[in-house]
C-alpha atoms as a PDB file:
ATOM      1  CA  MET A   1      25.833  25.431 -71.672  1.00  0.00           C
ATOM      2  CA  ASN A   2      30.154  24.690 -71.689  1.00  0.00           C
ATOM      3  CA  GLN A   3      30.648  22.792 -68.365  1.00  0.00           C
ATOM      4  CA  THR A   4      34.217  22.276 -67.186  1.00  0.00           C
ATOM      5  CA  PRO A   5      35.562  18.490 -65.937  1.00  0.00           C
ATOM      6  CA  ILE A   6      35.027  19.622 -61.936  1.00  0.00           C
ATOM      7  CA  PHE A   7      31.923  20.853 -62.652  1.00  0.00           C
ATOM      8  CA  ARG A   8      30.249  18.256 -63.448  1.00  0.00           C
ATOM      9  CA  VAL A   9      31.807  16.198 -60.653  1.00  0.00           C
ATOM     10  CA  ILE A  10      29.793  18.013 -58.418  1.00  0.00           C
ATOM     11  CA  LEU A  11      26.769  17.750 -60.209  1.00  0.00           C
ATOM     12  CA  VAL A  12      27.090  13.814 -59.735  1.00  0.00           C
ATOM     13  CA  LEU A  13      27.825  13.996 -56.340  1.00  0.00           C
ATOM     14  CA  MET A  14      24.843  16.398 -55.999  1.00  0.00           C
ATOM     15  CA  PHE A  15      22.504  14.053 -57.243  1.00  0.00           C
ATOM     16  CA  LEU A  16      24.014  11.061 -55.554  1.00  0.00           C
ATOM     17  CA  THR A  17      23.822  12.579 -52.172  1.00  0.00           C
ATOM     18  CA  ASN A  18      20.440  13.529 -52.240  1.00  0.00           C
ATOM     19  CA  GLY A  19      19.628  10.513 -53.701  1.00  0.00           C
ATOM     20  CA  ALA A  20      21.098   8.396 -50.677  1.00  0.00           C
ATOM     21  CA  ILE A  21      18.925  11.082 -48.570  1.00  0.00           C
ATOM     22  CA  ALA A  22      15.604  10.245 -49.349  1.00  0.00           C
ATOM     23  CA  ALA A  23      16.178   6.931 -50.196  1.00  0.00           C
ATOM     24  CA  GLU A  24      18.053   6.960 -46.440  1.00  0.00           C
ATOM     25  CA  PRO A  25      15.439   3.943 -44.600  1.00  0.00           C
ATOM     26  CA  LYS A  26      14.086   5.163 -41.026  1.00  0.00           C
ATOM     27  CA  THR A  27      16.556   5.054 -37.867  1.00  0.00           C
ATOM     28  CA  GLU A  28      15.870   3.855 -34.716  1.00  0.00           C
ATOM     29  CA  VAL A  29      16.737   6.968 -33.832  1.00  0.00           C
ATOM     30  CA  ASN A  30      14.992   9.232 -36.047  1.00  0.00           C
ATOM     31  CA  LYS A  31      11.675   6.638 -34.997  1.00  0.00           C
ATOM     32  CA  ASN A  32      12.436   7.830 -31.524  1.00  0.00           C
ATOM     33  CA  LYS A  33      12.182  11.444 -32.632  1.00  0.00           C
ATOM     34  CA  GLU A  34       8.895  11.389 -34.469  1.00  0.00           C
ATOM     35  CA  GLN A  35       7.410   9.216 -30.954  1.00  0.00           C
ATOM     36  CA  ASN A  36       8.749  11.899 -28.854  1.00  0.00           C
ATOM     37  CA  SER A  37       7.376  14.562 -31.278  1.00  0.00           C
ATOM     38  CA  SER A  38       4.011  14.598 -29.317  1.00  0.00           C
ATOM     39  CA  GLU A  39       5.089  16.130 -25.929  1.00  0.00           C
ATOM     40  CA  TRP A  40       3.983  15.164 -22.778  1.00  0.00           C
ATOM     41  CA  LYS A  41       2.361  17.928 -20.653  1.00  0.00           C
ATOM     42  CA  LEU A  42       2.767  18.753 -17.179  1.00  0.00           C
ATOM     43  CA  VAL A  43      -0.308  18.572 -15.788  1.00  0.00           C
ATOM     44  CA  TRP A  44       0.169  17.371 -11.862  1.00  0.00           C
ATOM     45  CA  GLU A  45       3.069  17.611  -9.541  1.00  0.00           C
ATOM     46  CA  GLU A  46       4.240  16.816  -6.219  1.00  0.00           C
ATOM     47  CA  ASN A  47       7.018  19.015  -4.943  1.00  0.00           C
ATOM     48  CA  PHE A  48       6.342  18.272  -1.029  1.00  0.00           C
ATOM     49  CA  ASP A  49       7.629  22.269  -0.584  1.00  0.00           C
ATOM     50  CA  LYS A  50       3.843  22.674   0.970  1.00  0.00           C
ATOM     51  CA  ASP A  51       4.532  24.050   4.671  1.00  0.00           C
ATOM     52  CA  ASP A  52       6.982  20.855   5.827  1.00  0.00           C
ATOM     53  CA  LYS A  53       4.197  18.448   6.070  1.00  0.00           C
ATOM     54  CA  ILE A  54       2.460  15.586   3.383  1.00  0.00           C
ATOM     55  CA  ASP A  55      -0.603  17.209   1.905  1.00  0.00           C
ATOM     56  CA  ASP A  56      -3.315  15.072   3.321  1.00  0.00           C
ATOM     57  CA  THR A  57      -5.746  16.031   0.492  1.00  0.00           C
ATOM     58  CA  VAL A  58      -3.314  13.672  -1.566  1.00  0.00           C
ATOM     59  CA  TRP A  59      -1.211  11.268   0.567  1.00  0.00           C
ATOM     60  CA  SER A  60      -2.233   8.947   3.519  1.00  0.00           C
ATOM     61  CA  LYS A  61       0.218   6.660   5.561  1.00  0.00           C
ATOM     62  CA  ILE A  62      -0.174   3.073   4.856  1.00  0.00           C
ATOM     63  CA  PRO A  63      -1.398   0.992   7.186  1.00  0.00           C
ATOM     64  CA  ARG A  64      -0.061  -2.197   9.039  1.00  0.00           C
ATOM     65  CA  GLY A  65      -1.048  -5.399   6.677  1.00  0.00           C
ATOM     66  CA  SER A  66       0.292  -8.479   6.760  1.00  0.00           C
ATOM     67  CA  SER A  67       1.876  -8.971   3.621  1.00  0.00           C
ATOM     68  CA  ASP A  68       5.743  -8.742   3.680  1.00  0.00           C
ATOM     69  CA  TRP A  69       5.837  -5.558   2.051  1.00  0.00           C
ATOM     70  CA  ASN A  70       3.483  -4.184   4.588  1.00  0.00           C
ATOM     71  CA  ARG A  71       4.053  -5.802   7.518  1.00  0.00           C
ATOM     72  CA  HIS A  72       6.152  -3.313   9.363  1.00  0.00           C
ATOM     73  CA  MET A  73       4.483  -0.095   7.858  1.00  0.00           C
ATOM     74  CA  SER A  74       3.846   2.466  10.767  1.00  0.00           C
ATOM     75  CA  ASP A  75       2.030   5.930  11.645  1.00  0.00           C
ATOM     76  CA  TYR A  76       5.213   6.830  13.573  1.00  0.00           C
ATOM     77  CA  ASP A  77       6.261  10.486  13.090  1.00  0.00           C
ATOM     78  CA  LYS A  78       9.754   9.898  12.705  1.00  0.00           C
ATOM     79  CA  LEU A  79       9.238   7.474   9.949  1.00  0.00           C
ATOM     80  CA  TYR A  80       8.212  10.426   7.952  1.00  0.00           C
ATOM     81  CA  ASP A  81       9.575  13.900   7.229  1.00  0.00           C
ATOM     82  CA  VAL A  82       9.380  16.832   4.622  1.00  0.00           C
ATOM     83  CA  LYS A  83      12.489  18.905   4.473  1.00  0.00           C
ATOM     84  CA  ASP A  84      14.523  20.805   1.821  1.00  0.00           C
ATOM     85  CA  GLY A  85      12.039  19.966  -0.503  1.00  0.00           C
ATOM     86  CA  ASN A  86      12.156  16.363   0.001  1.00  0.00           C
ATOM     87  CA  LEU A  87       9.751  13.645   1.282  1.00  0.00           C
ATOM     88  CA  ILE A  88      11.933  11.574   3.567  1.00  0.00           C
ATOM     89  CA  LEU A  89      10.577   8.009   4.518  1.00  0.00           C
ATOM     90  CA  ARG A  90      12.713   5.023   6.870  1.00  0.00           C
ATOM     91  CA  GLY A  91      12.720   2.347   7.862  1.00  0.00           C
ATOM     92  CA  MET A  92      14.001   2.062  11.292  1.00  0.00           C
ATOM     93  CA  VAL A  93      14.461  -0.632  14.788  1.00  0.00           C
ATOM     94  CA  ASN A  94      11.403  -0.176  16.268  1.00  0.00           C
ATOM     95  CA  PRO A  95      12.526   2.210  19.322  1.00  0.00           C
ATOM     96  CA  GLY A  96       9.740   0.434  21.921  1.00  0.00           C
ATOM     97  CA  LEU A  97       6.767   2.589  20.513  1.00  0.00           C
ATOM     98  CA  PRO A  98       3.642   0.690  22.848  1.00  0.00           C
ATOM     99  CA  GLY A  99       1.775  -2.225  22.215  1.00  0.00           C
ATOM    100  CA  ASP A 100       3.890  -2.985  19.026  1.00  0.00           C
ATOM    101  CA  THR A 101       5.752  -5.897  18.885  1.00  0.00           C
ATOM    102  CA  ALA A 102       7.156  -5.089  14.726  1.00  0.00           C
ATOM    103  CA  PRO A 103      11.038  -5.786  15.437  1.00  0.00           C
ATOM    104  CA  PHE A 104      11.292  -2.962  12.935  1.00  0.00           C
ATOM    105  CA  ILE A 105       8.932  -0.131  11.628  1.00  0.00           C
ATOM    106  CA  THR A 106       8.584   1.582   8.313  1.00  0.00           C
ATOM    107  CA  GLY A 107       6.504   5.006   6.367  1.00  0.00           C
ATOM    108  CA  GLY A 108       4.927   4.790   3.162  1.00  0.00           C
ATOM    109  CA  VAL A 109       2.219   6.922   1.428  1.00  0.00           C
ATOM    110  CA  TYR A 110      -0.215   6.233  -1.065  1.00  0.00           C
ATOM    111  CA  THR A 111      -3.237   8.285  -3.203  1.00  0.00           C
ATOM    112  CA  LYS A 112      -5.452   5.296  -2.238  1.00  0.00           C
ATOM    113  CA  ASN A 113      -9.100   7.155  -2.378  1.00  0.00           C
ATOM    114  CA  LYS A 114      -7.642  10.425  -3.207  1.00  0.00           C
ATOM    115  CA  LYS A 115      -6.193  10.506  -6.375  1.00  0.00           C
ATOM    116  CA  GLY A 116      -5.756   7.870  -9.161  1.00  0.00           C
ATOM    117  CA  PHE A 117      -3.784   8.222 -12.148  1.00  0.00           C
ATOM    118  CA  GLU A 118      -4.917   6.757 -15.751  1.00  0.00           C
ATOM    119  CA  HIS A 119      -3.220   7.292 -19.874  1.00  0.00           C
ATOM    120  CA  GLY A 120      -0.535   9.309 -18.952  1.00  0.00           C
ATOM    121  CA  LYS A 121       3.485   9.021 -17.735  1.00  0.00           C
ATOM    122  CA  ILE A 122       4.477   9.214 -13.863  1.00  0.00           C
ATOM    123  CA  GLU A 123       7.876  10.244 -13.287  1.00  0.00           C
ATOM    124  CA  ILE A 124       9.319   9.888  -9.401  1.00  0.00           C
ATOM    125  CA  LYS A 125      12.500  11.395  -8.751  1.00  0.00           C
ATOM    126  CA  ALA A 126      14.223  10.083  -5.198  1.00  0.00           C
ATOM    127  CA  LYS A 127      17.571   9.158  -3.930  1.00  0.00           C
ATOM    128  CA  LEU A 128      17.535   5.714  -2.007  1.00  0.00           C
ATOM    129  CA  GLY A 129      19.082   4.378   0.775  1.00  0.00           C
ATOM    130  CA  ASN A 130      21.395   1.895   1.943  1.00  0.00           C
ATOM    131  CA  ALA A 131      20.965  -1.746   4.412  1.00  0.00           C
ATOM    132  CA  LYS A 132      20.701  -5.302   3.988  1.00  0.00           C
ATOM    133  CA  GLY A 133      17.071  -5.719   4.125  1.00  0.00           C
ATOM    134  CA  ALA A 134      15.963  -2.599   2.396  1.00  0.00           C
ATOM    135  CA  TRP A 135      13.040  -2.775  -0.024  1.00  0.00           C
ATOM    136  CA  PRO A 136      12.096   0.662  -1.166  1.00  0.00           C
ATOM    137  CA  ALA A 137       8.878   0.648  -3.685  1.00  0.00           C
ATOM    138  CA  PHE A 138       7.161   2.815  -5.696  1.00  0.00           C
ATOM    139  CA  TRP A 139       3.722   1.306  -7.342  1.00  0.00           C
ATOM    140  CA  LEU A 140       0.578   0.673  -8.551  1.00  0.00           C
ATOM    141  CA  LEU A 141      -2.361  -1.050  -7.499  1.00  0.00           C
ATOM    142  CA  PRO A 142      -5.940  -0.354  -9.070  1.00  0.00           C
ATOM    143  CA  PHE A 143      -8.373   2.824  -7.774  1.00  0.00           C
ATOM    144  CA  ASP A 144     -11.022   0.460  -7.377  1.00  0.00           C
ATOM    145  CA  ASN A 145      -9.590  -1.915  -5.334  1.00  0.00           C
ATOM    146  CA  GLU A 146     -10.311  -4.851  -7.286  1.00  0.00           C
ATOM    147  CA  ARG A 147      -8.895  -8.080  -5.393  1.00  0.00           C
ATOM    148  CA  TRP A 148      -4.616  -8.929  -5.954  1.00  0.00           C
ATOM    149  CA  PRO A 149      -3.555  -9.981  -8.436  1.00  0.00           C
ATOM    150  CA  ARG A 150      -6.838  -9.633 -10.948  1.00  0.00           C
ATOM    151  CA  GLY A 151      -6.610  -5.863 -10.780  1.00  0.00           C
ATOM    152  CA  GLY A 152      -3.238  -5.574 -11.759  1.00  0.00           C
ATOM    153  CA  GLU A 153      -0.041  -4.201  -9.844  1.00  0.00           C
ATOM    154  CA  ILE A 154       2.643  -1.708 -11.490  1.00  0.00           C
ATOM    155  CA  ASP A 155       5.928  -2.077 -10.218  1.00  0.00           C
ATOM    156  CA  ILE A 156       7.788   1.328 -10.913  1.00  0.00           C
ATOM    157  CA  MET A 157      10.903   0.962  -8.753  1.00  0.00           C
ATOM    158  CA  GLU A 158      11.578  -1.810  -6.521  1.00  0.00           C
ATOM    159  CA  ARG A 159      15.454  -2.220  -4.829  1.00  0.00           C
ATOM    160  CA  LEU A 160      16.716  -4.107  -2.729  1.00  0.00           C
ATOM    161  CA  ASN A 161      19.886  -4.069  -0.625  1.00  0.00           C
ATOM    162  CA  SER A 162      22.403  -1.426  -2.145  1.00  0.00           C
ATOM    163  CA  ASP A 163      22.176  -2.705  -5.514  1.00  0.00           C
ATOM    164  CA  GLU A 164      23.430  -0.833  -8.387  1.00  0.00           C
ATOM    165  CA  ILE A 165      19.733  -2.045 -10.193  1.00  0.00           C
ATOM    166  CA  ALA A 166      16.427  -1.460  -9.811  1.00  0.00           C
ATOM    167  CA  TYR A 167      13.168  -3.790 -10.929  1.00  0.00           C
ATOM    168  CA  GLN A 168      10.180  -2.904 -12.914  1.00  0.00           C
ATOM    169  CA  THR A 169       8.089  -5.922 -13.062  1.00  0.00           C
ATOM    170  CA  VAL A 170       3.904  -6.126 -13.686  1.00  0.00           C
ATOM    171  CA  HIS A 171       1.866  -8.692 -11.853  1.00  0.00           C
ATOM    172  CA  SER A 172      -1.694  -9.914 -12.939  1.00  0.00           C
ATOM    173  CA  HIS A 173      -3.734 -12.967 -12.931  1.00  0.00           C
ATOM    174  CA  TYR A 174      -2.559 -13.649 -16.081  1.00  0.00           C
ATOM    175  CA  THR A 175       0.817 -13.757 -14.986  1.00  0.00           C
ATOM    176  CA  VAL A 176       0.659 -14.943 -10.972  1.00  0.00           C
ATOM    177  CA  ASN A 177      -2.189 -17.559 -11.043  1.00  0.00           C
ATOM    178  CA  LEU A 178      -1.550 -18.723 -14.535  1.00  0.00           C
ATOM    179  CA  LYS A 179       1.797 -18.474 -14.240  1.00  0.00           C
ATOM    180  CA  GLN A 180       2.732 -17.288 -18.149  1.00  0.00           C
ATOM    181  CA  THR A 181       6.344 -15.545 -19.189  1.00  0.00           C
ATOM    182  CA  LYS A 182       5.403 -14.205 -22.233  1.00  0.00           C
ATOM    183  CA  PRO A 183       5.057 -10.897 -23.070  1.00  0.00           C
ATOM    184  CA  LYS A 184       7.836 -10.367 -19.989  1.00  0.00           C
ATOM    185  CA  LYS A 185       6.720  -8.957 -17.180  1.00  0.00           C
ATOM    186  CA  GLY A 186       9.521  -8.028 -15.943  1.00  0.00           C
ATOM    187  CA  ALA A 187      13.160  -5.466 -16.460  1.00  0.00           C
ATOM    188  CA  THR A 188      16.104  -4.394 -14.525  1.00  0.00           C
ATOM    189  CA  GLY A 189      17.931  -0.889 -15.271  1.00  0.00           C
ATOM    190  CA  SER A 190      20.755   0.614 -13.564  1.00  0.00           C
ATOM    191  CA  ILE A 191      21.125   3.613 -11.167  1.00  0.00           C
ATOM    192  CA  LEU A 192      23.118   5.523  -9.932  1.00  0.00           C
ATOM    193  CA  LYS A 193      23.963   4.403  -6.315  1.00  0.00           C
ATOM    194  CA  ASP A 194      23.616   6.818  -3.781  1.00  0.00           C
ATOM    195  CA  GLN A 195      22.387  10.461  -6.085  1.00  0.00           C
ATOM    196  CA  TYR A 196      19.334  10.945  -7.310  1.00  0.00           C
ATOM    197  CA  ASN A 197      17.523   8.786  -9.942  1.00  0.00           C
ATOM    198  CA  VAL A 198      14.101   9.363 -12.299  1.00  0.00           C
ATOM    199  CA  TYR A 199      11.915   6.451 -12.627  1.00  0.00           C
ATOM    200  CA  ALA A 200       8.955   6.298 -14.809  1.00  0.00           C
ATOM    201  CA  VAL A 201       6.161   4.308 -16.340  1.00  0.00           C
ATOM    202  CA  GLU A 202       3.831   5.462 -19.318  1.00  0.00           C
ATOM    203  CA  LEU A 203       0.081   3.856 -18.989  1.00  0.00           C
ATOM    204  CA  TYR A 204      -1.632   4.153 -22.697  1.00  0.00           C
ATOM    205  CA  PRO A 205      -4.447   1.701 -22.924  1.00  0.00           C
ATOM    206  CA  ASP A 206      -2.294  -1.293 -25.093  1.00  0.00           C
ATOM    207  CA  LYS A 207       0.966  -1.176 -23.320  1.00  0.00           C
ATOM    208  CA  LEU A 208       2.818  -0.411 -20.549  1.00  0.00           C
ATOM    209  CA  VAL A 209       6.330   1.379 -21.225  1.00  0.00           C
ATOM    210  CA  PHE A 210       9.379   1.320 -18.107  1.00  0.00           C
ATOM    211  CA  ARG A 211      12.139   3.418 -18.114  1.00  0.00           C
ATOM    212  CA  ILE A 212      15.170   4.854 -15.513  1.00  0.00           C
ATOM    213  CA  ASN A 213      16.472   7.782 -16.070  1.00  0.00           C
ATOM    214  CA  ASP A 214      14.954   8.253 -19.278  1.00  0.00           C
ATOM    215  CA  LYS A 215      17.104   4.881 -20.557  1.00  0.00           C
ATOM    216  CA  HIS A 216      13.994   2.387 -22.102  1.00  0.00           C
ATOM    217  CA  THR A 217      13.836  -0.466 -19.404  1.00  0.00           C
ATOM    218  CA  PHE A 218      11.096  -2.326 -21.056  1.00  0.00           C
ATOM    219  CA  THR A 219       7.564  -2.857 -22.614  1.00  0.00           C
ATOM    220  CA  TYR A 220       4.931  -4.745 -21.636  1.00  0.00           C
ATOM    221  CA  PRO A 221       1.542  -4.883 -24.739  1.00  0.00           C
ATOM    222  CA  ARG A 222      -1.284  -6.208 -24.514  1.00  0.00           C
ATOM    223  CA  ILE A 223      -1.374  -9.183 -26.592  1.00  0.00           C
ATOM    224  CA  GLU A 224      -4.428 -11.000 -28.026  1.00  0.00           C
ATOM    225  CA  THR A 225      -5.053 -14.473 -26.543  1.00  0.00           C
ATOM    226  CA  ASP A 226      -7.551 -16.423 -24.947  1.00  0.00           C
ATOM    227  CA  LEU A 227      -6.450 -16.403 -21.381  1.00  0.00           C
ATOM    228  CA  GLU A 228      -7.923 -14.229 -19.280  1.00  0.00           C
ATOM    229  CA  GLY A 229      -6.902 -11.292 -16.920  1.00  0.00           C
ATOM    230  CA  GLN A 230      -3.411 -10.368 -19.594  1.00  0.00           C
ATOM    231  CA  PHE A 231      -4.044  -6.700 -19.758  1.00  0.00           C
ATOM    232  CA  PRO A 232      -5.421  -5.649 -16.490  1.00  0.00           C
ATOM    233  CA  PHE A 233      -3.963  -1.519 -16.649  1.00  0.00           C
ATOM    234  CA  ASP A 234      -6.571   0.199 -18.818  1.00  0.00           C
ATOM    235  CA  ARG A 235      -8.370   1.608 -15.892  1.00  0.00           C
ATOM    236  CA  PRO A 236      -7.266   4.542 -13.044  1.00  0.00           C
ATOM    237  CA  PHE A 237      -4.904   3.410 -10.095  1.00  0.00           C
ATOM    238  CA  TYR A 238      -3.575   4.763  -7.501  1.00  0.00           C
ATOM    239  CA  LEU A 239       0.454   5.826  -6.137  1.00  0.00           C
ATOM    240  CA  MET A 240       2.630   3.986  -3.804  1.00  0.00           C
ATOM    241  CA  LEU A 241       6.163   5.249  -1.907  1.00  0.00           C
ATOM    242  CA  ASP A 242       6.819   3.157   0.541  1.00  0.00           C
ATOM    243  CA  MET A 243      10.172   1.980   2.417  1.00  0.00           C
ATOM    244  CA  GLN A 244      10.319  -1.790   2.954  1.00  0.00           C
ATOM    245  CA  LEU A 245      12.025  -4.005   5.338  1.00  0.00           C
ATOM    246  CA  GLY A 246      12.640  -7.646   4.961  1.00  0.00           C
ATOM    247  CA  GLY A 247      10.322 -10.482   3.757  1.00  0.00           C
ATOM    248  CA  LYS A 248      11.171 -13.271   1.625  1.00  0.00           C
ATOM    249  CA  TRP A 249      12.467 -11.483  -1.461  1.00  0.00           C
ATOM    250  CA  VAL A 250      14.887  -9.281   0.058  1.00  0.00           C
ATOM    251  CA  GLY A 251      16.002 -11.318   2.966  1.00  0.00           C
ATOM    252  CA  GLU A 252      17.135 -10.695   6.561  1.00  0.00           C
ATOM    253  CA  VAL A 253      17.525  -6.742   7.750  1.00  0.00           C
ATOM    254  CA  GLU A 254      20.834  -6.211   9.866  1.00  0.00           C
ATOM    255  CA  PRO A 255      19.465  -3.715  12.264  1.00  0.00           C
ATOM    256  CA  LYS A 256      23.565  -2.125  12.518  1.00  0.00           C
ATOM    257  CA  ASP A 257      22.710  -0.599   9.044  1.00  0.00           C
ATOM    258  CA  LEU A 258      19.710   1.181  10.099  1.00  0.00           C
ATOM    259  CA  PRO A 259      17.525   3.463  10.212  1.00  0.00           C
ATOM    260  CA  VAL A 260      17.764   3.721   6.080  1.00  0.00           C
ATOM    261  CA  GLU A 261      16.166   6.845   4.490  1.00  0.00           C
ATOM    262  CA  MET A 262      15.046   7.278   1.214  1.00  0.00           C
ATOM    263  CA  TYR A 263      14.770  10.840  -0.570  1.00  0.00           C
ATOM    264  CA  ILE A 264      11.712  11.695  -2.834  1.00  0.00           C
ATOM    265  CA  ASP A 265      12.298  15.184  -4.363  1.00  0.00           C
ATOM    266  CA  TRP A 266       9.213  15.197  -7.009  1.00  0.00           C
ATOM    267  CA  VAL A 267       6.253  13.091  -8.444  1.00  0.00           C
ATOM    268  CA  ARG A 268       4.838  14.010 -11.680  1.00  0.00           C
ATOM    269  CA  PHE A 269       2.126  13.687 -14.027  1.00  0.00           C
ATOM    270  CA  TYR A 270       2.044  14.399 -17.678  1.00  0.00           C
ATOM    271  CA  GLN A 271      -0.609  13.657 -20.772  1.00  0.00           C
ATOM    272  CA  LYS A 272      -0.707  13.716 -24.259  1.00  0.00           C
ATOM    273  CA  GLU A 273      -3.060  16.280 -25.998  1.00  0.00           C
ATOM    274  CA  GLY A 274      -7.067  13.914 -26.160  1.00  0.00           C
ATOM    275  CA  GLU A 275      -6.082  11.606 -23.400  1.00  0.00           C
ATOM    276  CA  ARG A 276      -8.238  11.654 -20.065  1.00  0.00           C
ATOM    277  CA  LYS A 277      -7.185  13.854 -17.227  1.00  0.00           C
ATOM    278  CA  GLU A 278      -6.468  11.815 -14.111  1.00  0.00           C
ATOM    279  CA  GLU A 279      -9.047  10.671 -11.436  1.00  0.00           C
END
């Protein structure tokens, strides 16, 4: 068959283009598309829209303790609100509660002894208030209540003062008592100040993957090591949502900045096909 010069050029270009496409290596974008092809399935959610009250079949108010994070916890009603589909948790100057000498009081809830999460993805959509000495947090502790830090701690979000970053961290016997720094135990990610952000952790048997607003911040893997306690995270955990004030990490509280509030729009838990369901 006779072929014109133009037709032959078109054939050559088609051959070269097809060859280049076939030989193209997988980019990170392509890899991510493949990894996300197995979609997460929503298996549980809390929208905080039930009769303007906290669902006490899932959540309990966090009691006061002696650590920096819980030394101001209180069950005072004005620290808690469910309004317009949000859970509102507050930190405030103690208004003079009888028998309570704490200078400040804070509100927090957890799913301890009620609901556990394992092998899936937790997402929390929330807007954080600003105050010097404010330290809101969303985090996980082991459902079997193994003593800290051997049972592990997973910090989905911690934010200090009015920063435009949030911290995401893991703690364990390996990182706390043995003071090991490899693999990296935490990272920070940018947040949209005074707006809602989505904080997430993916719980796998061999790694934890952290994200803020669907942007990957860091991954903490299980590694081969002779040291004990490196990955105590392949187990059920309960979830904590709390406002915190003061302490060694965040520093002094400024009373004139109080009350401070955070709004939690929803909590969602996803799993993939074949994974174990939540407790």
